[in-house]
Protein backbone atom coordinates (compact mmCIF):
# COMPACT_ATOMS: atom_id res chain seq x y z
CA MET A 1 0.10 -0.04 0.14
CA ALA A 2 1.53 3.50 -0.97
CA ARG A 3 1.32 6.14 1.37
CA VAL A 4 -0.48 9.03 0.71
CA TYR A 5 1.93 12.48 1.66
CA ASN A 6 -0.46 14.98 1.53
CA SER A 7 -2.37 13.27 4.25
CA ARG A 8 -2.42 14.23 7.83
CA LYS A 9 0.71 13.62 9.82
CA ARG A 10 1.87 13.40 13.49
CA ILE A 11 5.32 15.65 13.38
CA LEU A 12 7.25 16.02 16.70
CA VAL A 13 8.48 19.68 17.03
CA THR A 14 11.46 20.14 19.97
CA GLY A 15 11.81 23.36 21.26
CA GLY A 16 8.24 23.87 20.51
CA ALA A 17 7.65 26.42 23.33
CA GLY A 18 10.32 28.96 21.86
CA PHE A 19 9.52 31.72 19.44
CA LEU A 20 9.76 30.11 16.75
CA GLY A 21 9.07 26.37 17.61
CA SER A 22 5.42 27.82 18.67
CA HIS A 23 4.89 29.87 15.05
CA LEU A 24 5.45 26.28 13.24
CA ILE A 25 3.17 24.68 15.40
CA ASP A 26 1.06 27.46 14.79
CA ARG A 27 1.12 26.46 10.82
CA LEU A 28 1.18 22.94 10.90
CA LEU A 29 -1.54 23.15 13.03
CA SER A 30 -3.77 25.04 10.83
CA ASP A 31 -2.54 22.72 7.73
CA GLY A 32 -4.08 19.86 10.01
CA HIS A 33 -1.50 17.93 11.55
CA GLU A 34 -0.95 16.50 14.88
CA VAL A 35 1.75 17.54 16.66
CA LEU A 36 4.12 16.64 19.88
CA CYS A 37 5.91 19.39 20.89
CA VAL A 38 8.34 18.45 23.54
CA ASP A 39 10.40 21.63 25.37
CA ASN A 40 12.48 22.05 28.72
CA LEU A 41 11.56 25.41 29.62
CA PHE A 42 14.76 26.70 29.82
CA THR A 43 14.12 29.75 26.86
CA GLY A 44 10.70 28.66 25.96
CA THR A 45 7.66 29.74 27.93
CA LYS A 46 4.04 28.11 27.96
CA ARG A 47 2.93 31.72 27.30
CA ASN A 48 3.78 30.90 23.52
CA ILE A 49 1.85 27.37 23.71
CA GLU A 50 -0.95 28.21 26.15
CA HIS A 51 -3.46 28.93 23.48
CA LEU A 52 -2.93 25.57 21.66
CA HIS A 53 -3.81 23.84 24.76
CA THR A 54 -7.48 22.98 24.14
CA ASN A 55 -6.62 22.02 20.23
CA PRO A 56 -7.42 18.37 20.49
CA ARG A 57 -4.20 17.68 17.64
CA PHE A 58 -1.54 19.50 20.07
CA GLU A 59 0.24 17.65 23.06
CA PHE A 60 2.98 18.72 25.41
CA LEU A 61 5.58 17.03 27.23
CA ARG A 62 8.06 18.92 29.13
CA HIS A 63 11.22 17.13 28.74
CA ASP A 64 14.94 18.18 27.69
CA VAL A 65 16.10 15.60 24.80
CA THR A 66 19.72 17.00 25.20
CA PRO A 67 21.36 14.32 27.45
CA TYR A 68 19.83 11.80 24.96
CA LEU A 69 20.75 12.96 22.08
CA SER A 70 23.71 9.98 20.50
CA LEU A 71 25.14 10.83 16.86
CA LYS A 72 27.59 7.78 16.50
CA PRO A 73 30.36 8.24 13.52
CA SER A 74 28.86 6.35 10.12
CA THR A 75 31.09 3.49 8.38
CA ALA A 76 29.62 4.92 5.13
CA PRO A 77 32.54 5.81 2.55
CA ARG A 78 33.10 10.14 2.96
CA ALA A 79 30.19 11.05 -0.16
CA GLN A 80 27.86 8.88 1.28
CA ASN A 81 28.23 9.54 5.40
CA PRO A 82 25.57 11.85 6.16
CA TRP A 83 26.88 13.12 9.34
CA ARG A 84 30.29 14.40 7.94
CA LEU A 85 30.00 18.60 8.10
CA ARG A 86 31.73 20.94 6.41
CA ASN A 87 33.90 23.22 8.38
CA PRO A 88 33.78 26.65 6.48
CA ARG A 89 36.95 28.10 8.42
CA SER A 90 39.53 25.25 8.06
CA SER A 91 40.41 24.82 4.04
CA SER A 92 43.25 23.27 1.81
CA ALA A 93 44.19 24.75 -0.76
CA GLY A 94 40.86 26.17 -1.19
CA ALA A 95 39.01 23.32 -0.26
CA SER A 96 36.74 22.29 2.62
CA LYS A 97 38.25 19.66 4.98
CA MET A 98 35.49 17.49 5.59
CA TYR A 99 34.96 15.96 9.75
């Protein structure tokens, strides 16, 4: 069965109680999606999302996701490795180094 990509989606927004996150959530809800907002409220505020608590497609979870973030380097070749980032400050004969 093929997935229909223009249907309603369940979307996780981290940092959703911040300025940008709350506006993103407003847009996603107006497009008909379900949204789970995860925020630790260190810089965001409940005031930014309090108008959303009556929306049945919105859910808020106060949680800090940073201690559990684990990125492991890939064993894929350099060109196929999605975790490698370019460092714009370092260059070797005009070419950026890959990390």
